[in-house]
Each structure stands twice: as structure tokens, then as C-alpha cells.
Amino acid sequence: MKTLKAVDEKKYDLVIENGTVVFGSQKEKEILNIGIIEDKIEAISKDKLVGKKIIDARNLYVTPGFIDVHSHSDISGFIDESCTSKIYQGVTSEVNGNCGIGISPWSDENRENLKKYIQTHSDINYYPVDLNKTRSFLDLKKFLEKGKLVTNQGFLVGAGCIRIAVMGFKSSETNESEIEKMKMLLEKQFEEGALGISFGLIYQPGNFMSQREILELLKVVKKYDRVASFHMRDEVNEIEKSIEEV
């Protein structure tokens, strides 16, 4: 963003002054004043700016919001708290649904299996998620837009959720029919706005997934030009094999 000068003593809703501004590019950091109207930066200037509210950021850094691309805040919107912990770290955008884990989608026959999956990986001794609000990615998105989360939210589809929706925690290899159901379910999530898919190959049921099954799901990822992330199968004794597989 280029440095702008204040015009005719315009009064801004918020002025952050004297902060060391980091631009997030090759431009050098610089002590500047920032003028904001509503939720938009309107001026970045060395000149004095007039604001209804002033924040003196002397000896502090002012940066673009950080993006946490590997977050596990999936259940945060369901917890009756202010959900500000990430903002206090400077994070303004999060990508959830990592490591094959998530809260959507689910099927009637495997609803309880998904609840068990969420609780196991959320390190909680109670169950806060209303699954009626997470049947599909679209349902989840509508719920979160009305909620308390103060960060921007993006989601990957957990491959573990997709597999549980189709076949629960069965350890058997998927057949053709099951793979097609999984692919159709993944397509629906992509059409509703999911950013990609994540695999948790070290966790159940991800550790039951064959390479063929993974490759079939990746065909859907390619079709929709989305991303795929992997928590590989092993991090110790079989780490080289795990890297080779991915």
C-alpha cells in the first residue's frame, strides 16, 4: 500500500499514530500515521491526522493482520466466550479443518461417530457443537457469520469427516461405491465454498485410507482447483516413507 497524505484535515473514525508500520512487502518499515474510516484504511501518512479516536502506537509495530493457515479453531464459534485469543496474537484470518479433522459434513447414520471424532481431537471434556448447524459447509458458514468469532474464517474439508460420513470408523478399504459417495460429498463442500481438503493420515480413520482412495479424492481437488494439505502417516520411524507417500 502506498503512503498517502492527509487531505484538508479530514476527520477519521480512528487514527493510529506514531507506529512503526510494516507493509508486508519489500517496502521498508517506517514510522507513520494511519487514518481509518469505518473498516477501511483511507490514509497512511507522515502528516498529522485528525481522528475521533486516537491510538498512540509509539514504540509499537503496526502490521497487516496475520493469516494462520493451520488453525484448529473449528469449535470456537460454538463456545460461549468472546473468541478473541487469536486477535490478541495479531491473527485476523484463520484456515481451519486441518489434519483431516473438522466438524462438517456428517451423515445421519454416522452422526455419533463424528461427535466422538470432534471430541477426541478438541481436548475438551464436554461437547459444545450443535451438529444441526454443521450438516454441510453451507450450514456451518451461515452459523459462523452470525456468531462471536472476530477473525475471518476459511475452512478445509477434513478427509476424516468425509470418510466417517460414508463408512464410520471401519478400517476396511473403500469400495467403488463408497469412493464415489466420498467424492460427491467433497464436491458439494467445494461448491459451497470450502478452500480444499486436509488429510490426517496418522489419525483414525485417516490411517485406514489407501493411496488409491486418496488419489481419487485428489482428482476432485484438481477439478475444482483447490488445495490439499497432509498430516503424514508417521513422524518418527517411518518418516521417510511418509514423506515419499505424500
Protein backbone atom coordinates (compact mmCIF):
# COMPACT_ATOMS: atom_id res chain seq x y z
CA MET A 1 0.00 0.00 0.00
CA LYS A 2 1.46 3.37 -0.97
CA THR A 3 1.91 6.20 1.51
CA LEU A 4 -0.85 8.80 1.24
CA LYS A 5 -1.00 12.33 2.57
CA ALA A 6 -3.79 13.74 4.69
CA VAL A 7 -6.22 15.92 2.79
CA ASP A 8 -7.85 19.10 4.27
CA GLU A 9 -7.68 17.90 7.87
CA LYS A 10 -10.17 15.13 7.14
CA LYS A 11 -11.52 13.63 10.35
CA TYR A 12 -11.08 9.88 10.56
CA ASP A 13 -13.03 7.49 12.75
CA LEU A 14 -9.73 6.12 14.05
CA VAL A 15 -6.15 7.31 13.81
CA ILE A 16 -3.22 5.10 14.76
CA GLU A 17 -0.26 7.44 15.10
CA ASN A 18 3.50 7.18 15.61
CA GLY A 19 3.55 3.42 14.97
CA THR A 20 6.29 1.60 13.09
CA VAL A 21 4.28 0.45 10.07
CA VAL A 22 5.27 -2.86 8.48
CA PHE A 23 3.82 -3.23 5.00
CA GLY A 24 4.23 -6.97 4.49
CA SER A 25 6.21 -6.43 1.30
CA GLN A 26 9.73 -5.36 0.29
CA LYS A 27 8.99 -1.79 1.38
CA GLU A 28 10.97 -0.76 4.46
CA LYS A 29 9.12 -0.27 7.75
CA GLU A 30 8.51 3.36 8.63
CA ILE A 31 7.05 5.47 11.46
CA LEU A 32 3.72 6.72 10.07
CA ASN A 33 0.15 7.67 10.94
CA ILE A 34 -2.84 5.67 9.73
CA GLY A 35 -6.34 7.07 9.17
CA ILE A 36 -9.31 4.68 9.17
CA ILE A 37 -12.93 5.33 8.23
CA GLU A 38 -15.34 2.57 9.26
CA ASP A 39 -13.34 -0.59 8.43
CA LYS A 40 -11.15 0.78 5.65
CA ILE A 41 -7.67 2.32 5.76
CA GLU A 42 -8.04 5.67 3.96
CA ALA A 43 -4.65 7.26 4.64
CA ILE A 44 -1.09 6.27 5.56
CA SER A 45 0.92 9.42 6.05
CA LYS A 46 3.80 11.15 7.81
CA ASP A 47 1.46 14.11 8.32
CA LYS A 48 -0.62 14.58 11.45
CA LEU A 49 -4.09 13.08 11.03
CA VAL A 50 -7.25 14.12 12.88
CA GLY A 51 -9.38 11.35 14.35
CA LYS A 52 -12.44 10.87 16.54
CA LYS A 53 -10.34 8.28 18.37
CA ILE A 54 -6.55 8.26 18.59
CA ILE A 55 -4.28 5.33 19.41
CA ASP A 56 -0.69 6.25 20.17
CA ALA A 57 1.39 3.35 18.83
CA ARG A 58 4.76 4.86 19.69
CA ASN A 59 7.42 2.10 20.10
CA LEU A 60 4.93 -0.45 18.71
CA TYR A 61 4.59 -2.17 15.35
CA VAL A 62 1.51 -1.81 13.16
CA THR A 63 1.19 -4.67 10.67
CA PRO A 64 -1.30 -6.26 8.31
CA GLY A 65 -3.30 -8.97 10.06
CA PHE A 66 -1.50 -12.31 10.24
CA ILE A 67 -3.07 -15.30 8.46
CA ASP A 68 -2.91 -18.59 10.38
CA VAL A 69 -3.20 -21.19 7.60
CA HIS A 70 -3.01 -24.12 10.04
CA SER A 71 -5.56 -23.41 12.73
CA HIS A 72 -7.75 -25.71 14.83
CA SER A 73 -10.39 -23.19 15.89
CA ASP A 74 -13.19 -25.29 14.37
CA ILE A 75 -15.28 -25.41 17.56
CA SER A 76 -14.52 -21.86 18.75
CA GLY A 77 -17.71 -20.42 17.28
CA PHE A 78 -19.75 -22.78 19.45
CA ILE A 79 -18.10 -21.83 22.74
CA ASP A 80 -19.83 -19.16 24.82
CA GLU A 81 -16.81 -16.91 25.07
CA SER A 82 -15.54 -13.85 23.22
CA CYS A 83 -13.18 -15.84 20.93
CA THR A 84 -10.50 -13.13 20.99
CA SER A 85 -7.39 -15.23 21.67
CA LYS A 86 -6.19 -15.17 18.05
CA ILE A 87 -6.78 -11.42 17.67
CA TYR A 88 -4.54 -10.84 20.70
CA GLN A 89 -1.81 -12.63 18.73
CA GLY A 90 -2.32 -10.39 15.70
CA VAL A 91 -4.12 -13.09 13.71
CA THR A 92 -7.09 -11.76 11.73
CA SER A 93 -7.71 -14.72 9.40
CA GLU A 94 -7.68 -18.45 10.12
CA VAL A 95 -7.90 -21.59 7.99
CA ASN A 96 -9.48 -24.44 9.95
CA GLY A 97 -10.30 -28.06 9.13
CA ASN A 98 -6.67 -29.16 9.19
CA CYS A 99 -5.17 -32.63 9.75
CA GLY A 100 -8.25 -34.36 8.36
CA ILE A 101 -10.25 -33.11 11.36
CA GLY A 102 -13.35 -30.93 11.26
CA ILE A 103 -17.00 -30.55 12.22
CA SER A 104 -18.61 -30.89 8.80
CA PRO A 105 -20.04 -32.70 6.87
CA TRP A 106 -21.88 -35.56 8.55
CA SER A 107 -24.50 -38.19 7.75
CA ASP A 108 -27.44 -39.42 9.83
CA GLU A 109 -26.05 -42.93 10.25
CA ASN A 110 -22.65 -41.66 11.42
CA ARG A 111 -23.60 -38.58 13.42
CA GLU A 112 -22.45 -40.07 16.72
CA ASN A 113 -19.15 -41.19 15.18
CA LEU A 114 -18.43 -37.62 14.07
CA LYS A 115 -19.24 -36.31 17.57
CA LYS A 116 -16.72 -38.77 19.00
CA TYR A 117 -14.16 -37.67 16.40
CA ILE A 118 -14.59 -33.98 17.25
CA GLN A 119 -14.42 -34.53 21.00
CA THR A 120 -11.33 -36.74 20.77
CA HIS A 121 -9.39 -34.12 18.81
CA SER A 122 -10.65 -31.00 20.60
CA ASP A 123 -9.18 -31.76 24.03
CA ILE A 124 -12.48 -30.99 25.77
CA ASN A 125 -14.50 -32.91 28.35
CA TYR A 126 -17.85 -31.67 27.08
CA TYR A 127 -19.48 -31.38 23.68
CA PRO A 128 -20.21 -27.80 22.52
CA VAL A 129 -21.02 -28.27 18.83
CA ASP A 130 -24.62 -28.19 17.61
CA LEU A 131 -24.34 -30.58 14.68
CA ASN A 132 -27.65 -29.33 13.28
CA LYS A 133 -25.68 -26.23 12.28
CA THR A 134 -22.86 -28.16 10.57
CA ARG A 135 -24.52 -30.75 8.35
CA SER A 136 -22.87 -29.14 5.33
CA PHE A 137 -20.26 -26.47 4.79
CA LEU A 138 -23.02 -24.02 3.83
CA ASP A 139 -24.79 -24.62 7.16
CA LEU A 140 -21.53 -24.04 9.04
CA LYS A 141 -20.80 -20.85 7.12
CA LYS A 142 -24.27 -19.40 7.82
CA PHE A 143 -23.93 -20.18 11.53
CA LEU A 144 -20.47 -18.65 11.89
CA GLU A 145 -21.49 -15.45 10.11
CA LYS A 146 -23.96 -14.80 12.94
CA GLY A 147 -21.57 -15.80 15.73
CA LYS A 148 -18.97 -14.27 18.02
CA LEU A 149 -15.84 -15.07 16.05
CA VAL A 150 -13.87 -11.89 15.38
CA THR A 151 -11.43 -13.43 12.88
CA ASN A 152 -12.10 -14.19 9.23
CA GLN A 153 -12.72 -17.91 8.83
CA GLY A 154 -11.76 -20.22 5.98
CA PHE A 155 -12.17 -23.99 6.04
CA LEU A 156 -10.62 -27.07 4.55
CA VAL A 157 -12.75 -30.21 4.46
CA GLY A 158 -11.36 -32.86 6.78
CA ALA A 159 -10.93 -36.11 4.85
CA GLY A 160 -11.61 -37.85 8.16
CA CYS A 161 -15.07 -36.25 8.26
CA ILE A 162 -15.77 -37.32 4.67
CA ARG A 163 -14.76 -40.92 5.41
CA ILE A 164 -16.73 -41.04 8.67
CA ALA A 165 -19.85 -39.71 6.90
CA VAL A 166 -19.67 -42.56 4.38
CA MET A 167 -18.36 -45.50 6.43
CA GLY A 168 -17.82 -44.51 10.06
CA PHE A 169 -14.63 -45.86 11.63
CA LYS A 170 -14.43 -49.02 9.54
CA SER A 171 -10.83 -49.99 8.91
CA SER A 172 -11.61 -51.75 5.63
CA GLU A 173 -10.51 -50.36 2.29
CA THR A 174 -13.19 -48.40 0.46
CA ASN A 175 -15.03 -49.99 -2.44
CA GLU A 176 -16.03 -48.22 -5.66
CA SER A 177 -19.45 -47.19 -4.35
CA GLU A 178 -18.00 -45.73 -1.14
CA ILE A 179 -15.33 -43.80 -3.03
CA GLU A 180 -17.96 -42.29 -5.33
CA LYS A 181 -20.04 -41.21 -2.31
CA MET A 182 -16.96 -39.59 -0.77
CA LYS A 183 -16.15 -37.77 -4.00
CA MET A 184 -19.72 -36.49 -4.36
CA LEU A 185 -19.68 -35.27 -0.76
CA LEU A 186 -16.38 -33.49 -1.31
CA GLU A 187 -17.68 -31.84 -4.49
CA LYS A 188 -20.66 -30.49 -2.55
CA GLN A 189 -18.36 -28.94 0.06
CA PHE A 190 -16.25 -27.31 -2.66
CA GLU A 191 -19.34 -25.96 -4.40
CA GLU A 192 -20.39 -24.40 -1.08
CA GLY A 193 -17.05 -22.62 -0.62
CA ALA A 194 -14.57 -24.89 1.14
CA LEU A 195 -10.94 -24.00 0.30
CA GLY A 196 -9.58 -27.52 -0.07
CA ILE A 197 -9.18 -30.83 1.72
CA SER A 198 -6.89 -31.94 4.54
CA PHE A 199 -5.70 -35.47 5.27
CA GLY A 200 -4.78 -36.74 8.73
CA LEU A 201 -3.07 -39.97 7.75
CA ILE A 202 -1.67 -40.51 11.24
CA TYR A 203 -5.13 -40.49 12.88
CA GLN A 204 -8.13 -42.78 12.65
CA PRO A 205 -9.86 -43.01 10.22
CA GLY A 206 -7.25 -41.30 8.01
CA ASN A 207 -4.74 -44.07 8.74
CA PHE A 208 -7.16 -46.52 7.09
CA MET A 209 -7.09 -44.62 3.80
CA SER A 210 -5.32 -46.30 0.90
CA GLN A 211 -3.30 -44.35 -1.64
CA ARG A 212 -5.94 -45.18 -4.23
CA GLU A 213 -8.63 -43.64 -2.06
CA ILE A 214 -6.52 -40.51 -1.54
CA LEU A 215 -5.77 -40.16 -5.25
CA GLU A 216 -9.47 -40.41 -6.13
CA LEU A 217 -10.26 -37.56 -3.74
CA LEU A 218 -7.37 -35.54 -5.17
CA LYS A 219 -9.00 -35.80 -8.59
CA VAL A 220 -11.86 -33.74 -7.17
CA VAL A 221 -9.37 -31.26 -5.72
CA LYS A 222 -7.81 -30.87 -9.15
CA LYS A 223 -11.21 -30.48 -10.85
CA TYR A 224 -12.11 -27.57 -8.55
CA ASP A 225 -8.57 -26.14 -8.44
CA ARG A 226 -8.44 -26.28 -4.62
CA VAL A 227 -5.62 -27.20 -2.24
CA ALA A 228 -4.72 -30.37 -0.35
CA SER A 229 -2.74 -30.48 2.89
CA PHE A 230 -1.34 -33.54 4.64
CA HIS A 231 -0.56 -34.60 8.17
CA MET A 232 1.53 -37.57 7.02
CA ARG A 233 1.28 -41.12 8.36
CA ASP A 234 4.29 -41.16 10.64
CA GLU A 235 6.69 -38.64 12.20
CA VAL A 236 9.32 -40.97 13.70
CA ASN A 237 10.32 -44.45 12.50
CA GLU A 238 8.58 -44.30 9.11
CA ILE A 239 9.08 -40.61 8.42
CA GLU A 240 10.94 -41.08 5.12
CA LYS A 241 8.26 -43.41 3.77
CA SER A 242 5.60 -40.94 4.89
CA ILE A 243 7.27 -38.09 3.04
CA GLU A 244 7.64 -40.24 -0.08
CA GLU A 245 3.97 -41.16 0.02
CA VAL A 246 2.87 -37.51 0.09
